[in-house]
Amino acid sequence: MEAIAAPLILLADLWAIVRTVRSDADTSKKILWVGIVLLLPFIGVVAWILFGPS
């Protein structure tokens, strides 16, 4: 199961980071969200989906 979950979480993290960097949000918010996603891979992506910059 971990062999499938780890790459999916990695792809979700990369997707969230790219979308955050390309967003119109302030630079400080971008840095904060990228940090959250990197430090908390699964929880960070879920939080980004629910509360992140658009």
N, C-alpha and C. Protein backbone atom coordinates (compact mmCIF):
# COMPACT_ATOMS: atom_id res chain seq x y z
N MET A 1 0.82 -1.20 0.00
CA MET A 1 0.00 0.00 0.00
C MET A 1 0.86 1.27 0.00
N GLU A 2 1.96 1.23 0.80
CA GLU A 2 2.83 2.40 0.84
C GLU A 2 3.49 2.67 -0.50
N ALA A 3 3.68 1.60 -1.29
CA ALA A 3 4.31 1.75 -2.60
C ALA A 3 3.43 2.57 -3.54
N ILE A 4 2.15 2.59 -3.31
CA ILE A 4 1.22 3.37 -4.13
C ILE A 4 0.98 4.74 -3.52
N ALA A 5 0.85 4.79 -2.21
CA ALA A 5 0.50 6.03 -1.52
C ALA A 5 1.60 7.09 -1.60
N ALA A 6 2.84 6.68 -1.44
CA ALA A 6 3.94 7.65 -1.42
C ALA A 6 4.05 8.43 -2.74
N PRO A 7 4.04 7.77 -3.90
CA PRO A 7 4.11 8.57 -5.14
C PRO A 7 2.89 9.46 -5.35
N LEU A 8 1.72 9.02 -4.92
CA LEU A 8 0.52 9.84 -5.06
C LEU A 8 0.61 11.09 -4.19
N ILE A 9 1.11 10.94 -2.98
CA ILE A 9 1.28 12.10 -2.09
C ILE A 9 2.34 13.04 -2.66
N LEU A 10 3.41 12.49 -3.22
CA LEU A 10 4.45 13.31 -3.83
C LEU A 10 3.88 14.11 -5.01
N LEU A 11 3.11 13.47 -5.86
CA LEU A 11 2.48 14.17 -6.99
C LEU A 11 1.52 15.25 -6.51
N ALA A 12 0.75 14.95 -5.48
CA ALA A 12 -0.18 15.95 -4.93
C ALA A 12 0.59 17.13 -4.36
N ASP A 13 1.70 16.86 -3.68
CA ASP A 13 2.54 17.94 -3.14
C ASP A 13 3.08 18.82 -4.26
N LEU A 14 3.62 18.20 -5.29
CA LEU A 14 4.17 18.96 -6.42
C LEU A 14 3.09 19.79 -7.10
N TRP A 15 1.92 19.21 -7.27
CA TRP A 15 0.79 19.92 -7.88
C TRP A 15 0.41 21.14 -7.04
N ALA A 16 0.32 20.95 -5.72
CA ALA A 16 -0.04 22.06 -4.84
C ALA A 16 1.02 23.16 -4.86
N ILE A 17 2.29 22.78 -4.89
CA ILE A 17 3.37 23.77 -4.91
C ILE A 17 3.33 24.57 -6.21
N VAL A 18 3.19 23.88 -7.34
CA VAL A 18 3.14 24.58 -8.62
C VAL A 18 1.95 25.51 -8.69
N ARG A 19 0.79 25.05 -8.25
CA ARG A 19 -0.41 25.89 -8.28
C ARG A 19 -0.25 27.09 -7.35
N THR A 20 0.40 26.90 -6.22
CA THR A 20 0.61 28.00 -5.28
C THR A 20 1.55 29.04 -5.87
N VAL A 21 2.65 28.60 -6.45
CA VAL A 21 3.63 29.52 -7.02
C VAL A 21 3.02 30.31 -8.18
N ARG A 22 2.14 29.70 -8.95
CA ARG A 22 1.51 30.37 -10.08
C ARG A 22 0.30 31.21 -9.69
N SER A 23 -0.12 31.15 -8.44
CA SER A 23 -1.31 31.89 -8.02
C SER A 23 -1.03 33.39 -7.91
N ASP A 24 -2.08 34.17 -7.74
CA ASP A 24 -1.97 35.62 -7.61
C ASP A 24 -1.81 36.07 -6.17
N ALA A 25 -1.58 35.14 -5.26
CA ALA A 25 -1.45 35.46 -3.84
C ALA A 25 -0.18 36.25 -3.57
N ASP A 26 -0.13 36.90 -2.41
CA ASP A 26 1.07 37.61 -1.99
C ASP A 26 2.23 36.63 -1.84
N THR A 27 3.43 37.14 -2.02
CA THR A 27 4.62 36.30 -1.92
C THR A 27 4.74 35.65 -0.54
N SER A 28 4.40 36.38 0.50
CA SER A 28 4.50 35.80 1.85
C SER A 28 3.53 34.64 2.02
N LYS A 29 2.34 34.74 1.46
CA LYS A 29 1.37 33.64 1.53
C LYS A 29 1.86 32.44 0.72
N LYS A 30 2.47 32.71 -0.42
CA LYS A 30 3.01 31.62 -1.24
C LYS A 30 4.08 30.86 -0.46
N ILE A 31 4.99 31.60 0.17
CA ILE A 31 6.07 30.97 0.93
C ILE A 31 5.49 30.15 2.09
N LEU A 32 4.51 30.71 2.76
CA LEU A 32 3.88 30.01 3.88
C LEU A 32 3.25 28.70 3.41
N TRP A 33 2.48 28.74 2.33
CA TRP A 33 1.81 27.53 1.85
C TRP A 33 2.79 26.49 1.32
N VAL A 34 3.82 26.92 0.63
CA VAL A 34 4.83 25.96 0.15
C VAL A 34 5.51 25.30 1.35
N GLY A 35 5.81 26.07 2.37
CA GLY A 35 6.41 25.52 3.58
C GLY A 35 5.52 24.51 4.27
N ILE A 36 4.24 24.83 4.36
CA ILE A 36 3.29 23.90 4.99
C ILE A 36 3.21 22.60 4.21
N VAL A 37 3.12 22.70 2.90
CA VAL A 37 3.01 21.50 2.06
C VAL A 37 4.30 20.66 2.17
N LEU A 38 5.46 21.31 2.22
CA LEU A 38 6.71 20.57 2.32
C LEU A 38 6.90 19.93 3.70
N LEU A 39 6.52 20.63 4.75
CA LEU A 39 6.72 20.10 6.10
C LEU A 39 5.69 19.06 6.50
N LEU A 40 4.48 19.19 6.00
CA LEU A 40 3.39 18.26 6.32
C LEU A 40 2.79 17.73 5.02
N PRO A 41 3.45 16.77 4.39
CA PRO A 41 3.06 16.37 3.03
C PRO A 41 1.58 16.04 2.85
N PHE A 42 1.02 15.15 3.62
CA PHE A 42 -0.38 14.79 3.41
C PHE A 42 -1.34 15.83 3.98
N ILE A 43 -1.13 16.19 5.22
CA ILE A 43 -2.00 17.17 5.88
C ILE A 43 -1.88 18.53 5.21
N GLY A 44 -0.68 18.88 4.77
CA GLY A 44 -0.46 20.15 4.09
C GLY A 44 -1.25 20.27 2.80
N VAL A 45 -1.30 19.19 2.02
CA VAL A 45 -2.06 19.21 0.77
C VAL A 45 -3.55 19.33 1.05
N VAL A 46 -4.02 18.60 2.04
CA VAL A 46 -5.45 18.68 2.39
C VAL A 46 -5.79 20.09 2.86
N ALA A 47 -4.95 20.68 3.71
CA ALA A 47 -5.17 22.05 4.17
C ALA A 47 -5.12 23.02 3.01
N TRP A 48 -4.18 22.81 2.07
CA TRP A 48 -4.06 23.68 0.91
C TRP A 48 -5.33 23.62 0.06
N ILE A 49 -5.86 22.43 -0.13
CA ILE A 49 -7.09 22.27 -0.92
C ILE A 49 -8.24 23.01 -0.25
N LEU A 50 -8.32 22.92 1.07
CA LEU A 50 -9.44 23.54 1.79
C LEU A 50 -9.27 25.04 1.99
N PHE A 51 -8.05 25.51 2.27
CA PHE A 51 -7.85 26.89 2.70
C PHE A 51 -6.82 27.68 1.90
N GLY A 52 -6.13 27.05 0.97
CA GLY A 52 -5.02 27.69 0.27
C GLY A 52 -5.41 28.82 -0.65
N PRO A 53 -4.39 29.51 -1.16
CA PRO A 53 -4.66 30.63 -2.07
C PRO A 53 -5.25 30.15 -3.38
N SER A 54 -6.05 30.96 -3.98
CA SER A 54 -6.68 30.55 -5.25
C SER A 54 -5.91 31.07 -6.43
